[in-house]
Structure formats: structure tokens, C-alpha cells
C-alpha atoms as a PDB file:
ATOM      1  CA  MET A   1       0.000   0.000   0.000  1.00  0.00           C
ATOM      2  CA  ASP A   2       1.356   3.392  -0.946  1.00  0.00           C
ATOM      3  CA  PHE A   3       1.795   6.152   1.587  1.00  0.00           C
ATOM      4  CA  LEU A   4      -1.056   8.667   1.321  1.00  0.00           C
ATOM      5  CA  PHE A   5      -1.406  11.909   3.223  1.00  0.00           C
ATOM      6  CA  ASN A   6      -4.433  12.874   5.230  1.00  0.00           C
ATOM      7  CA  SER A   7      -6.337  15.394   3.123  1.00  0.00           C
ATOM      8  CA  TRP A   8      -9.191  16.281   5.477  1.00  0.00           C
ATOM      9  CA  TYR A   9      -7.644  19.471   6.770  1.00  0.00           C
ATOM     10  CA  THR A  10      -9.324  22.846   6.529  1.00  0.00           C
ATOM     11  CA  ILE A  11      -7.370  25.467   4.614  1.00  0.00           C
ATOM     12  CA  ILE A  12      -7.397  28.573   6.745  1.00  0.00           C
ATOM     13  CA  ARG A  13      -4.711  30.360   4.740  1.00  0.00           C
ATOM     14  CA  PHE A  14      -4.304  29.525   1.070  1.00  0.00           C
ATOM     15  CA  ASN A  15      -0.601  29.926   0.726  1.00  0.00           C
ATOM     16  CA  LEU A  16       2.698  29.543   2.366  1.00  0.00           C
ATOM     17  CA  PHE A  17       5.626  28.402   0.317  1.00  0.00           C
ATOM     18  CA  LEU A  18       7.598  27.002  -2.538  1.00  0.00           C
ATOM     19  CA  LEU A  19       8.412  24.057  -4.682  1.00  0.00           C
ATOM     20  CA  LEU A  20      11.593  22.830  -6.285  1.00  0.00           C
ATOM     21  CA  PRO A  21      10.320  20.879  -9.279  1.00  0.00           C
ATOM     22  CA  ILE A  22      12.073  18.016 -10.934  1.00  0.00           C
ATOM     23  CA  GLN A  23      10.810  17.702 -14.449  1.00  0.00           C
ATOM     24  CA  HIS A  24      12.047  14.758 -16.489  1.00  0.00           C
ATOM     25  CA  ARG A  25      10.571  15.527 -19.835  1.00  0.00           C
ATOM     26  CA  SER A  26      11.363  12.993 -22.538  1.00  0.00           C
ATOM     27  CA  GLY A  27      15.017  12.974 -21.625  1.00  0.00           C
ATOM     28  CA  GLU A  28      15.369  16.709 -22.032  1.00  0.00           C
ATOM     29  CA  GLU A  29      15.454  16.887 -18.261  1.00  0.00           C
ATOM     30  CA  MET A  30      14.032  20.239 -17.278  1.00  0.00           C
ATOM     31  CA  ARG A  31      15.569  19.443 -13.923  1.00  0.00           C
ATOM     32  CA  PHE A  32      15.748  21.606 -10.862  1.00  0.00           C
ATOM     33  CA  LEU A  33      14.028  24.668 -12.264  1.00  0.00           C
ATOM     34  CA  LEU A  34      14.372  26.516  -8.991  1.00  0.00           C
ATOM     35  CA  LEU A  35      11.815  28.979  -7.785  1.00  0.00           C
ATOM     36  CA  THR A  36      13.525  32.212  -6.994  1.00  0.00           C
ATOM     37  CA  THR A  37      10.748  34.666  -6.263  1.00  0.00           C
ATOM     38  CA  LEU A  38       8.674  34.370  -3.090  1.00  0.00           C
ATOM     39  CA  VAL A  39       7.007  37.335  -1.449  1.00  0.00           C
ATOM     40  CA  ALA A  40       5.851  37.945   2.108  1.00  0.00           C
ATOM     41  CA  CYS A  41       2.161  38.743   2.405  1.00  0.00           C
ATOM     42  CA  GLY A  42       0.372  39.324   5.692  1.00  0.00           C
ATOM     43  CA  GLY A  43       2.720  37.070   7.637  1.00  0.00           C
ATOM     44  CA  ASP A  44       2.406  34.177   5.169  1.00  0.00           C
ATOM     45  CA  ILE A  45       4.687  33.303   2.284  1.00  0.00           C
ATOM     46  CA  LEU A  46       3.105  33.238  -1.123  1.00  0.00           C
ATOM     47  CA  ILE A  47       4.586  31.707  -4.223  1.00  0.00           C
ATOM     48  CA  SER A  48       4.708  34.291  -6.991  1.00  0.00           C
ATOM     49  CA  LYS A  49       6.020  32.161  -9.867  1.00  0.00           C
ATOM     50  CA  ARG A  50       4.721  28.651 -10.487  1.00  0.00           C
ATOM     51  CA  TYR A  51       7.200  25.948 -11.334  1.00  0.00           C
ATOM     52  CA  GLU A  52       5.585  25.327 -14.719  1.00  0.00           C
ATOM     53  CA  GLU A  53       6.710  28.793 -15.826  1.00  0.00           C
ATOM     54  CA  ASN A  54      10.014  29.331 -17.587  1.00  0.00           C
ATOM     55  CA  THR A  55      12.533  31.457 -15.756  1.00  0.00           C
ATOM     56  CA  ASN A  56      16.063  32.597 -16.414  1.00  0.00           C
ATOM     57  CA  ASP A  57      16.809  32.673 -12.691  1.00  0.00           C
ATOM     58  CA  THR A  58      18.114  29.134 -12.263  1.00  0.00           C
ATOM     59  CA  VAL A  59      21.169  27.514 -10.786  1.00  0.00           C
ATOM     60  CA  THR A  60      21.376  24.877 -13.496  1.00  0.00           C
ATOM     61  CA  ASP A  61      23.831  24.209 -16.273  1.00  0.00           C
ATOM     62  CA  ILE A  62      22.751  22.797 -19.625  1.00  0.00           C
ATOM     63  CA  VAL A  63      24.695  19.893 -21.077  1.00  0.00           C
ATOM     64  CA  VAL A  64      24.143  18.826 -24.676  1.00  0.00           C
ATOM     65  CA  VAL A  65      24.717  15.106 -25.106  1.00  0.00           C
ATOM     66  CA  GLU A  66      25.801  14.726 -28.703  1.00  0.00           C
ATOM     67  CA  ASP A  67      24.814  11.760 -30.860  1.00  0.00           C
ATOM     68  CA  THR A  68      28.007  10.277 -32.251  1.00  0.00           C
ATOM     69  CA  GLN A  69      26.018   8.489 -34.942  1.00  0.00           C
ATOM     70  CA  VAL A  70      24.832  11.608 -36.768  1.00  0.00           C
ATOM     71  CA  PRO A  71      26.810  13.364 -39.524  1.00  0.00           C
ATOM     72  CA  SER A  72      29.541  15.814 -38.583  1.00  0.00           C
ATOM     73  CA  PRO A  73      28.758  19.523 -38.224  1.00  0.00           C
ATOM     74  CA  SER A  74      30.294  20.203 -41.637  1.00  0.00           C
ATOM     75  CA  SER A  75      27.537  18.226 -43.325  1.00  0.00           C
ATOM     76  CA  GLN A  76      24.690  18.906 -40.897  1.00  0.00           C
ATOM     77  CA  PRO A  77      24.670  22.125 -38.821  1.00  0.00           C
ATOM     78  CA  ALA A  78      24.051  21.446 -35.133  1.00  0.00           C
ATOM     79  CA  THR A  79      21.648  24.359 -34.919  1.00  0.00           C
ATOM     80  CA  GLU A  80      19.393  23.004 -37.656  1.00  0.00           C
ATOM     81  CA  PRO A  81      16.567  20.863 -36.185  1.00  0.00           C
ATOM     82  CA  SER A  82      16.113  17.321 -37.452  1.00  0.00           C
ATOM     83  CA  SER A  83      13.039  16.513 -39.503  1.00  0.00           C
ATOM     84  CA  PRO A  84      10.806  13.697 -38.224  1.00  0.00           C
ATOM     85  CA  THR A  85      10.980  10.397 -40.101  1.00  0.00           C
ATOM     86  CA  SER A  86       8.055   8.077 -40.736  1.00  0.00           C
ATOM     87  CA  GLU A  87       9.808   4.877 -39.636  1.00  0.00           C
ATOM     88  CA  PRO A  88      12.948   3.640 -37.909  1.00  0.00           C
ATOM     89  CA  GLU A  89      16.043   2.586 -39.791  1.00  0.00           C
ATOM     90  CA  ASN A  90      16.238  -1.151 -40.568  1.00  0.00           C
ATOM     91  CA  GLN A  91      19.512  -2.201 -38.920  1.00  0.00           C
ATOM     92  CA  MET A  92      19.585  -3.402 -35.306  1.00  0.00           C
ATOM     93  CA  THR A  93      21.878  -1.429 -32.999  1.00  0.00           C
ATOM     94  CA  GLU A  94      22.873  -1.256 -29.323  1.00  0.00           C
ATOM     95  CA  LEU A  95      21.783   2.393 -29.207  1.00  0.00           C
ATOM     96  CA  SER A  96      18.896   4.226 -27.583  1.00  0.00           C
ATOM     97  CA  VAL A  97      15.753   4.777 -29.658  1.00  0.00           C
ATOM     98  CA  GLY A  98      13.829   6.762 -27.073  1.00  0.00           C
ATOM     99  CA  LEU A  99      12.835   7.447 -23.485  1.00  0.00           C
ATOM    100  CA  ALA A 100       9.624   6.539 -21.649  1.00  0.00           C
ATOM    101  CA  THR A 101       8.955   8.466 -18.441  1.00  0.00           C
ATOM    102  CA  LEU A 102       6.268   8.131 -15.797  1.00  0.00           C
ATOM    103  CA  HIS A 103       6.576  10.727 -13.015  1.00  0.00           C
ATOM    104  CA  PHE A 104       4.333  10.400  -9.946  1.00  0.00           C
ATOM    105  CA  ARG A 105       4.657  13.418  -7.657  1.00  0.00           C
ATOM    106  CA  GLN A 106       2.793  13.618  -4.340  1.00  0.00           C
ATOM    107  CA  ILE A 107       2.809  16.950  -2.497  1.00  0.00           C
ATOM    108  CA  SER A 108       2.298  16.820   1.261  1.00  0.00           C
ATOM    109  CA  CYS A 109       0.923  20.347   1.551  1.00  0.00           C
ATOM    110  CA  PRO A 110      -0.684  21.447  -1.731  1.00  0.00           C
ATOM    111  CA  ALA A 111      -1.786  24.774  -0.235  1.00  0.00           C
ATOM    112  CA  CYS A 112       1.848  25.509   0.639  1.00  0.00           C
ATOM    113  CA  VAL A 113       2.877  25.410  -3.015  1.00  0.00           C
ATOM    114  CA  GLY A 114      -0.245  26.761  -4.696  1.00  0.00           C
ATOM    115  CA  ALA A 115      -1.061  23.329  -6.151  1.00  0.00           C
ATOM    116  CA  TYR A 116      -4.599  22.295  -7.030  1.00  0.00           C
ATOM    117  CA  SER A 117      -4.095  18.728  -5.852  1.00  0.00           C
ATOM    118  CA  GLU A 118      -1.716  16.609  -3.812  1.00  0.00           C
ATOM    119  CA  PHE A 119      -0.995  14.617  -6.988  1.00  0.00           C
ATOM    120  CA  ASP A 120       0.898  15.700 -10.099  1.00  0.00           C
ATOM    121  CA  ILE A 121       1.268  12.677 -12.402  1.00  0.00           C
ATOM    122  CA  LYS A 122       2.692  12.773 -15.925  1.00  0.00           C
ATOM    123  CA  ALA A 123       3.587  10.274 -18.640  1.00  0.00           C
ATOM    124  CA  GLU A 124       5.933  11.178 -21.508  1.00  0.00           C
ATOM    125  CA  LEU A 125       7.476   9.381 -24.455  1.00  0.00           C
ATOM    126  CA  LYS A 126      10.214  10.377 -26.885  1.00  0.00           C
ATOM    127  CA  MET A 127      11.063   8.207 -29.921  1.00  0.00           C
ATOM    128  CA  HIS A 128      13.814   8.753 -32.482  1.00  0.00           C
ATOM    129  CA  GLN A 129      16.402   7.117 -34.690  1.00  0.00           C
ATOM    130  CA  PRO A 130      19.138   5.260 -32.752  1.00  0.00           C
ATOM    131  CA  THR A 131      21.450   7.591 -30.836  1.00  0.00           C
ATOM    132  CA  SER A 132      24.430   7.103 -28.548  1.00  0.00           C
ATOM    133  CA  GLY A 133      23.307   9.986 -26.309  1.00  0.00           C
ATOM    134  CA  ASP A 134      22.896   9.249 -22.587  1.00  0.00           C
ATOM    135  CA  TYR A 135      19.559  10.307 -21.128  1.00  0.00           C
ATOM    136  CA  PHE A 136      20.767   9.841 -17.552  1.00  0.00           C
ATOM    137  CA  GLN A 137      24.025  11.769 -17.663  1.00  0.00           C
ATOM    138  CA  TYR A 138      22.461  14.580 -15.650  1.00  0.00           C
ATOM    139  CA  MET A 139      21.749  12.436 -12.573  1.00  0.00           C
ATOM    140  CA  THR A 140      23.768  12.839  -9.400  1.00  0.00           C
ATOM    141  CA  PRO A 141      26.302   9.952  -9.169  1.00  0.00           C
ATOM    142  CA  VAL A 142      25.404   7.256  -6.647  1.00  0.00           C
ATOM    143  CA  GLY A 143      27.106   7.734  -3.282  1.00  0.00           C
ATOM    144  CA  THR A 144      27.605  11.471  -3.710  1.00  0.00           C
ATOM    145  CA  CYS A 145      25.964  14.822  -3.011  1.00  0.00           C
ATOM    146  CA  THR A 146      26.190  17.885  -5.232  1.00  0.00           C
ATOM    147  CA  THR A 147      25.051  21.479  -5.413  1.00  0.00           C
ATOM    148  CA  ASN A 148      25.771  21.543  -9.156  1.00  0.00           C
ATOM    149  CA  LEU A 149      22.348  20.687 -10.547  1.00  0.00           C
ATOM    150  CA  ILE A 150      22.258  20.257 -14.305  1.00  0.00           C
ATOM    151  CA  GLU A 151      19.880  19.402 -17.105  1.00  0.00           C
ATOM    152  CA  THR A 152      20.753  17.520 -20.273  1.00  0.00           C
ATOM    153  CA  TYR A 153      19.515  17.375 -23.833  1.00  0.00           C
ATOM    154  CA  VAL A 154      20.068  14.358 -26.088  1.00  0.00           C
ATOM    155  CA  SER A 155      20.582  15.176 -29.757  1.00  0.00           C
ATOM    156  CA  SER A 156      18.488  12.896 -31.985  1.00  0.00           C
ATOM    157  CA  GLN A 157      16.417  12.590 -35.169  1.00  0.00           C
ATOM    158  CA  PRO A 158      12.765  12.258 -34.081  1.00  0.00           C
ATOM    159  CA  LEU A 159      10.269   9.782 -35.455  1.00  0.00           C
ATOM    160  CA  GLN A 160       6.820  10.756 -36.650  1.00  0.00           C
ATOM    161  CA  ALA A 161       4.258  11.617 -33.965  1.00  0.00           C
ATOM    162  CA  THR A 162       0.799  12.249 -35.434  1.00  0.00           C
ATOM    163  CA  GLN A 163      -1.325   9.690 -33.582  1.00  0.00           C
ATOM    164  CA  PRO A 164      -1.800   8.824 -29.891  1.00  0.00           C
ATOM    165  CA  ALA A 165       0.575   6.393 -28.189  1.00  0.00           C
ATOM    166  CA  MET A 166      -0.221   4.001 -25.331  1.00  0.00           C
ATOM    167  CA  PHE A 167       1.428   2.854 -22.108  1.00  0.00           C
ATOM    168  CA  ASN A 168      -0.927  -0.125 -21.536  1.00  0.00           C
ATOM    169  CA  ASN A 169      -4.233   1.687 -20.947  1.00  0.00           C
ATOM    170  CA  ILE A 170      -2.699   5.178 -20.555  1.00  0.00           C
ATOM    171  CA  THR A 171      -3.147   7.372 -23.624  1.00  0.00           C
ATOM    172  CA  LEU A 172      -0.444   9.882 -24.585  1.00  0.00           C
ATOM    173  CA  ASN A 173      -1.120  12.495 -27.252  1.00  0.00           C
ATOM    174  CA  PRO A 174       1.395  13.952 -29.727  1.00  0.00           C
ATOM    175  CA  SER A 175       3.175  16.931 -28.158  1.00  0.00           C
ATOM    176  CA  GLY A 176       6.045  17.645 -30.560  1.00  0.00           C
ATOM    177  CA  GLN A 177       8.372  15.999 -33.040  1.00  0.00           C
ATOM    178  CA  GLY A 178       8.757  12.416 -31.901  1.00  0.00           C
ATOM    179  CA  GLN A 179       7.093  13.195 -28.573  1.00  0.00           C
ATOM    180  CA  TRP A 180       3.892  12.212 -26.771  1.00  0.00           C
ATOM    181  CA  SER A 181       2.623  13.214 -23.332  1.00  0.00           C
ATOM    182  CA  ASN A 182      -0.239  13.070 -20.849  1.00  0.00           C
ATOM    183  CA  ASN A 183       0.075  15.619 -18.037  1.00  0.00           C
ATOM    184  CA  TYR A 184      -3.313  14.991 -16.424  1.00  0.00           C
ATOM    185  CA  LEU A 185      -3.209  11.486 -14.989  1.00  0.00           C
ATOM    186  CA  TYR A 186      -5.042  10.393 -11.843  1.00  0.00           C
ATOM    187  CA  GLU A 187      -3.622   8.313  -9.019  1.00  0.00           C
ATOM    188  CA  HIS A 188      -5.967   5.387  -9.721  1.00  0.00           C
ATOM    189  CA  GLN A 189      -4.642   5.106 -13.295  1.00  0.00           C
ATOM    190  CA  ILE A 190      -1.148   4.119 -12.141  1.00  0.00           C
ATOM    191  CA  ASP A 191      -0.606   0.377 -11.725  1.00  0.00           C
ATOM    192  CA  ARG A 192       2.323  -0.241  -9.365  1.00  0.00           C
ATOM    193  CA  GLN A 193       5.060  -2.765 -10.173  1.00  0.00           C
ATOM    194  CA  THR A 194       3.404  -3.623 -13.497  1.00  0.00           C
ATOM    195  CA  PRO A 195       5.007  -4.268 -16.921  1.00  0.00           C
ATOM    196  CA  HIS A 196       3.844  -1.799 -19.571  1.00  0.00           C
ATOM    197  CA  THR A 197       3.837  -2.223 -23.343  1.00  0.00           C
ATOM    198  CA  ILE A 198       4.360   0.847 -25.533  1.00  0.00           C
ATOM    199  CA  VAL A 199       2.253   1.120 -28.700  1.00  0.00           C
ATOM    200  CA  THR A 200       2.902   3.885 -31.247  1.00  0.00           C
ATOM    201  CA  GLU A 201       2.193   4.483 -34.917  1.00  0.00           C
ATOM    202  CA  ASN A 202       5.834   3.574 -35.555  1.00  0.00           C
ATOM    203  CA  GLY A 203       5.799   0.220 -33.781  1.00  0.00           C
ATOM    204  CA  THR A 204       5.312  -1.665 -30.503  1.00  0.00           C
ATOM    205  CA  ILE A 205       7.684  -2.395 -27.609  1.00  0.00           C
ATOM    206  CA  VAL A 206       6.470  -5.276 -25.441  1.00  0.00           C
ATOM    207  CA  ASP A 207       7.116  -4.959 -21.686  1.00  0.00           C
ATOM    208  CA  ALA A 208       9.054  -1.742 -22.296  1.00  0.00           C
ATOM    209  CA  PHE A 209       9.183  -0.877 -18.593  1.00  0.00           C
ATOM    210  CA  THR A 210       7.888  -1.872 -15.165  1.00  0.00           C
ATOM    211  CA  THR A 211       6.364   0.812 -12.983  1.00  0.00           C
ATOM    212  CA  VAL A 212       7.626   1.607  -9.499  1.00  0.00           C
ATOM    213  CA  GLU A 213       5.690   1.878  -6.227  1.00  0.00           C
ATOM    214  CA  GLY A 214       5.526   4.509  -3.530  1.00  0.00           C
ATOM    215  CA  PHE A 215       5.910   4.525   0.260  1.00  0.00           C
ATOM    216  CA  ASP A 216       4.158   3.106   3.323  1.00  0.00           C
ATOM    217  CA  ASP A 217       6.257   5.192   5.690  1.00  0.00           C
ATOM    218  CA  ILE A 218       8.572   8.225   5.573  1.00  0.00           C
ATOM    219  CA  GLN A 219      10.554   9.691   8.488  1.00  0.00           C
ATOM    220  CA  PRO A 220      10.782  12.290   9.867  1.00  0.00           C
ATOM    221  CA  TYR A 221       7.026  12.238   9.614  1.00  0.00           C
ATOM    222  CA  THR A 222       6.813  15.964  10.314  1.00  0.00           C
ATOM    223  CA  LEU A 223       7.997  16.546   6.720  1.00  0.00           C
ATOM    224  CA  LEU A 224       4.514  15.555   5.657  1.00  0.00           C
ATOM    225  CA  TRP A 225       2.235  17.905   7.574  1.00  0.00           C
ATOM    226  CA  VAL A 226      -0.638  18.762   5.248  1.00  0.00           C
ATOM    227  CA  ASP A 227      -1.891  21.894   7.006  1.00  0.00           C
ATOM    228  CA  PRO A 228      -0.032  25.156   6.209  1.00  0.00           C
ATOM    229  CA  SER A 229      -0.395  26.135   9.867  1.00  0.00           C
ATOM    230  CA  TYR A 230       1.948  23.288  10.834  1.00  0.00           C
ATOM    231  CA  ALA A 231       4.151  23.006   7.730  1.00  0.00           C
ATOM    232  CA  PHE A 232       7.942  23.503   7.869  1.00  0.00           C
ATOM    233  CA  ASP A 233       8.116  21.872  11.288  1.00  0.00           C
ATOM    234  CA  ALA A 234      10.690  19.204  10.340  1.00  0.00           C
ATOM    235  CA  VAL A 235      14.289  20.054  11.271  1.00  0.00           C
ATOM    236  CA  ILE A 236      16.977  19.863   8.561  1.00  0.00           C
ATOM    237  CA  SER A 237      19.968  19.921  10.870  1.00  0.00           C
ATOM    238  CA  LYS A 238      23.282  21.679  10.338  1.00  0.00           C
ATOM    239  CA  ASN A 239      24.759  18.595  12.001  1.00  0.00           C
ATOM    240  CA  GLY A 240      23.202  16.333   9.387  1.00  0.00           C
ATOM    241  CA  THR A 241      19.803  14.686   8.995  1.00  0.00           C
ATOM    242  CA  THR A 242      18.825  11.033   8.585  1.00  0.00           C
ATOM    243  CA  PHE A 243      15.806  10.198   6.435  1.00  0.00           C
ATOM    244  CA  THR A 244      14.144   6.778   6.324  1.00  0.00           C
ATOM    245  CA  TRP A 245      11.400   5.231   4.193  1.00  0.00           C
ATOM    246  CA  TYR A 246       9.654   1.954   3.517  1.00  0.00           C
ATOM    247  CA  PRO A 247       9.335  -0.255   1.496  1.00  0.00           C
ATOM    248  CA  VAL A 248      12.882  -0.701   0.213  1.00  0.00           C
ATOM    249  CA  LEU A 249      13.492  -1.523  -3.459  1.00  0.00           C
ATOM    250  CA  PRO A 250      17.219  -2.357  -3.573  1.00  0.00           C
ATOM    251  CA  LEU A 251      17.463  -2.455  -7.379  1.00  0.00           C
ATOM    252  CA  ASP A 252      16.318   1.167  -7.632  1.00  0.00           C
ATOM    253  CA  TYR A 253      17.956   4.494  -6.783  1.00  0.00           C
ATOM    254  CA  PHE A 254      16.937   7.054  -4.200  1.00  0.00           C
ATOM    255  CA  GLU A 255      17.558  10.792  -4.311  1.00  0.00           C
ATOM    256  CA  ILE A 256      16.934  13.461  -1.712  1.00  0.00           C
ATOM    257  CA  ILE A 257      16.975  17.100  -2.761  1.00  0.00           C
ATOM    258  CA  VAL A 258      16.778  19.915  -0.217  1.00  0.00           C
ATOM    259  CA  ALA A 259      16.071  23.381  -1.627  1.00  0.00           C
ATOM    260  CA  VAL A 260      16.732  26.166   0.879  1.00  0.00           C
ATOM    261  CA  TYR A 261      15.035  29.568   0.992  1.00  0.00           C
ATOM    262  CA  SER A 262      15.492  32.593   3.219  1.00  0.00           C
ATOM    263  CA  PRO A 263      13.429  32.589   6.453  1.00  0.00           C
ATOM    264  CA  ASP A 264      10.897  34.981   4.930  1.00  0.00           C
ATOM    265  CA  GLY A 265      10.767  33.005   1.688  1.00  0.00           C
ATOM    266  CA  SER A 266      11.886  35.916  -0.443  1.00  0.00           C
ATOM    267  CA  GLN A 267      15.108  34.366  -1.799  1.00  0.00           C
ATOM    268  CA  LEU A 268      16.313  31.015  -3.018  1.00  0.00           C
ATOM    269  CA  LEU A 269      19.598  30.364  -1.195  1.00  0.00           C
ATOM    270  CA  GLY A 270      20.640  27.070  -2.775  1.00  0.00           C
ATOM    271  CA  ALA A 271      19.951  23.359  -3.163  1.00  0.00           C
ATOM    272  CA  VAL A 272      21.727  20.058  -2.636  1.00  0.00           C
ATOM    273  CA  SER A 273      21.056  16.657  -4.229  1.00  0.00           C
ATOM    274  CA  CYS A 274      22.215  13.347  -2.686  1.00  0.00           C
ATOM    275  CA  MET A 275      21.871   9.979  -4.472  1.00  0.00           C
ATOM    276  CA  GLU A 276      22.197   6.401  -3.187  1.00  0.00           C
ATOM    277  CA  THR A 277      20.892   2.957  -4.022  1.00  0.00           C
ATOM    278  CA  ASP A 278      17.561   2.340  -2.296  1.00  0.00           C
ATOM    279  CA  THR A 279      18.507   1.061   1.168  1.00  0.00           C
ATOM    280  CA  GLY A 280      15.634   2.622   3.119  1.00  0.00           C
ATOM    281  CA  TYR A 281      17.695   5.355   4.743  1.00  0.00           C
ATOM    282  CA  MET A 282      20.015   8.228   3.844  1.00  0.00           C
ATOM    283  CA  PHE A 283      22.119  10.691   5.811  1.00  0.00           C
ATOM    284  CA  VAL A 284      22.349  14.186   4.307  1.00  0.00           C
ATOM    285  CA  PRO A 285      25.489  15.926   5.653  1.00  0.00           C
ATOM    286  CA  GLY A 286      24.839  19.119   7.554  1.00  0.00           C
ATOM    287  CA  GLY A 287      27.844  20.863   6.041  1.00  0.00           C
ATOM    288  CA  TYR A 288      25.757  21.823   3.039  1.00  0.00           C
ATOM    289  CA  PHE A 289      23.541  23.975   5.292  1.00  0.00           C
ATOM    290  CA  GLN A 290      26.119  25.674   7.538  1.00  0.00           C
ATOM    291  CA  SER A 291      26.033  28.960   5.637  1.00  0.00           C
ATOM    292  CA  TYR A 292      22.242  29.296   5.770  1.00  0.00           C
ATOM    293  CA  PRO A 293      20.436  31.269   8.494  1.00  0.00           C
ATOM    294  CA  THR A 294      18.644  29.279  11.172  1.00  0.00           C
ATOM    295  CA  TRP A 295      14.965  28.891  10.258  1.00  0.00           C
ATOM    296  CA  SER A 296      15.629  29.117   6.567  1.00  0.00           C
ATOM    297  CA  LEU A 297      12.729  27.347   4.873  1.00  0.00           C
ATOM    298  CA  ALA A 298      13.259  24.082   3.010  1.00  0.00           C
ATOM    299  CA  ALA A 299      11.475  22.015   0.373  1.00  0.00           C
ATOM    300  CA  VAL A 300      12.486  18.362   0.729  1.00  0.00           C
ATOM    301  CA  HIS A 301      12.080  16.047  -2.256  1.00  0.00           C
ATOM    302  CA  LEU A 302      12.318  12.313  -1.649  1.00  0.00           C
ATOM    303  CA  ILE A 303      12.556  10.584  -5.008  1.00  0.00           C
ATOM    304  CA  ARG A 304      12.689   6.940  -6.012  1.00  0.00           C
ATOM    305  CA  HIS A 305      14.212   6.396  -9.466  1.00  0.00           C
ATOM    306  CA  ARG A 306      13.874   3.250 -11.558  1.00  0.00           C
ATOM    307  CA  ILE A 307      16.129   3.246 -14.613  1.00  0.00           C
ATOM    308  CA  GLY A 308      15.460   0.626 -17.281  1.00  0.00           C
ATOM    309  CA  LYS A 309      16.475  -0.470 -20.754  1.00  0.00           C
ATOM    310  CA  GLN A 310      14.531  -2.896 -22.951  1.00  0.00           C
ATOM    311  CA  VAL A 311      15.193  -4.218 -26.432  1.00  0.00           C
ATOM    312  CA  ALA A 312      12.950  -2.642 -29.097  1.00  0.00           C
ATOM    313  CA  PRO A 313      13.335  -4.800 -32.234  1.00  0.00           C
ATOM    314  CA  GLU A 314      10.868  -2.812 -34.344  1.00  0.00           C
ATOM    315  CA  PHE A 315      12.935   0.318 -33.663  1.00  0.00           C
ATOM    316  CA  ASN A 316      16.348  -1.338 -34.105  1.00  0.00           C
ATOM    317  CA  GLY A 317      17.657  -0.409 -30.690  1.00  0.00           C
ATOM    318  CA  TYR A 318      16.775  -0.139 -27.007  1.00  0.00           C
ATOM    319  CA  ILE A 319      14.151   1.956 -25.241  1.00  0.00           C
ATOM    320  CA  ASP A 320      15.301   3.733 -22.081  1.00  0.00           C
ATOM    321  CA  SER A 321      12.806   4.198 -19.272  1.00  0.00           C
ATOM    322  CA  HIS A 322      12.677   6.345 -16.168  1.00  0.00           C
ATOM    323  CA  MET A 323      10.078   5.691 -13.476  1.00  0.00           C
ATOM    324  CA  ILE A 324       9.964   8.427 -10.822  1.00  0.00           C
ATOM    325  CA  TRP A 325       8.031   8.411  -7.548  1.00  0.00           C
ATOM    326  CA  GLU A 326       8.467  11.660  -5.655  1.00  0.00           C
ATOM    327  CA  VAL A 327       7.151  12.975  -2.355  1.00  0.00           C
ATOM    328  CA  VAL A 328       7.566  16.669  -1.545  1.00  0.00           C
ATOM    329  CA  GLY A 329       7.688  17.728   2.094  1.00  0.00           C
ATOM    330  CA  THR A 330       8.528  20.879   4.021  1.00  0.00           C
ATOM    331  CA  GLY A 331      11.019  21.716   6.766  1.00  0.00           C
ATOM    332  CA  HIS A 332      13.426  24.324   8.099  1.00  0.00           C
ATOM    333  CA  ILE A 333      17.163  24.658   8.711  1.00  0.00           C
ATOM    334  CA  GLU A 334      18.321  24.532  12.306  1.00  0.00           C
END
């Protein structure tokens, strides 16, 4: 059974805080688009720029992952977009032919981030000619922490996308060259730990990926207060903080991201990402928070990652997959 928050609370004040989003969009990884503008209003903290909006005020770097299989720049300018093709090439390769993503985000305090619901669930698919680009180059290396949050873009020649695609019974609509998406999924539509077949106008990939599951327990529990009146109670210690969760999926990865804001919420001060294999616990060193004022506000993202690769014979390569289950909580630096 997945961990679900109590949602019976009465919203006395419709506001309070922030969100550090982690968008994994078809491998183009709009990752860590940090909110930088929060304003004080009547004692509360109100978000003034939603995370869906583009902003130039980020702390990210952009890395272009070049496809070594495409012609050299002298014969094909890098700035000229590729035209979609109607079908894959006909020679089997060991290369990537696309990325399937299912991102399940659960927000403990929707009112704190200006969200309409505690759930934000998206499915995305990108299909293209075989490429040697690495969709997961942006991820924090296992066993490390970093404040250098990046996003990556994989260069590729997209396939045609004019008709809906399917992840089992989930419909994705065309959203660009070689891309399909569904940004309005409901919690009951997500089957946990279930193989999914991808069907597109270009071909089918049987058992392309297996979905991940969520949590029965997360500690410290105070991260998950749903009422804005009690949010930000959890302590993110300057001496270090231990987080635990259950169940444990040892073949998957687990990431914790702490985004830190000024005590009044008016400034983004920084963020740190730590990655480990899924062992059910993680210690985030306090040294990353020493320079921040006591009672700086924090958004804490606990994220389970499942990375997969499955042969796709009809596309002459392998489909990459990224299953993401994320819980967003609140806390403060102390």
C-alpha cells in the first residue's frame, strides 16, 4: 500500500511556500528549475512564480549530449533541427531509440505550493532514430551529493508523432516531433510494479518498462504535515539529517533534494542533491547547510528512481525508461 497523506484538513490560509520541481521531460530533463521569487504577504509566504513557468533565474547548467552516430557539423549544422521520419532505420543497434517516463509526484501540503491537488502525475514518451546519447548523464552519481544541478539534452532525429501512443491503458497524445505526453493522470490510473507495453504508430515495444511503487512510511514524519499552519516543522539539521522510508526496493535508486530559501521566503539560497541505491535510509550531511540562516525554509524532495532499458526490435535499438516516484515535504534549517 502506498503512503497517502491525510487530506481532510481545513485550509485557513491559502498559501505559504515554494516548490523545487524536478521535471524529467522525454530525456530533455528540465531538472531543478528553482523557484527564486517568493514574497511575504500578511505574515504568510506566497509563491509568486509557479514551477511550470520558464525562468532565467536558475542555478542549473545545460549539457548537450551529442549523438556520435549523426553526420559531422560540416555536413549537418548542429543548430538546424532534425526533420521527423516516418519509420525507424532497418539495422539493429545497441543504441537508444527513445525514453519513456512516468513521473508520480505527491505533495504533502498542496496549499503551501499553490497546487490544485496533492498529486501531479505525468507520462511522456520520446522516440527517435538510434542515438548514442545518454539520457541519464544529468543524474547525481550514486554515493555522492552535489550542489551543481544540471539538465541535459540528447541530440536525436525524431520519429513521426501524429497519432496517440499508449502505455498499456494510458493514452499519450502527440506533443512535438517524436514526442507524446499526458500531463493529467489520476492516481488510480497508475498500476504499481506492473510491466507496460508501448504502442505507437511507428511500432510496438512489449514490456518496455515496469512501474515503481511509492511509500508506506517516511521519516521524519513531520515533513509531511498537510496543514499550512503546521508546515515547515521538520528540522533539517546543520549537524546532518537522517531520512528513512519503507518499502525498500534495492534495485532502484533514491535521491533526496533539499532546496533552501530565506526565512521569509523571499530568496532562493541554494539546493543540494544526494543519491544512493535504495537502502531505506540516507544521511544528508549538515555541512551543506552551515552557511544558511537558522529557520531558513526548506522544500524536501524524496525521489525513487527506476532506470530501465529494454530491447525494441521494431525500432532497431533499445528503449530507455525512467520511473519516478516523488514525495515533496517541508522543513526548516536549524
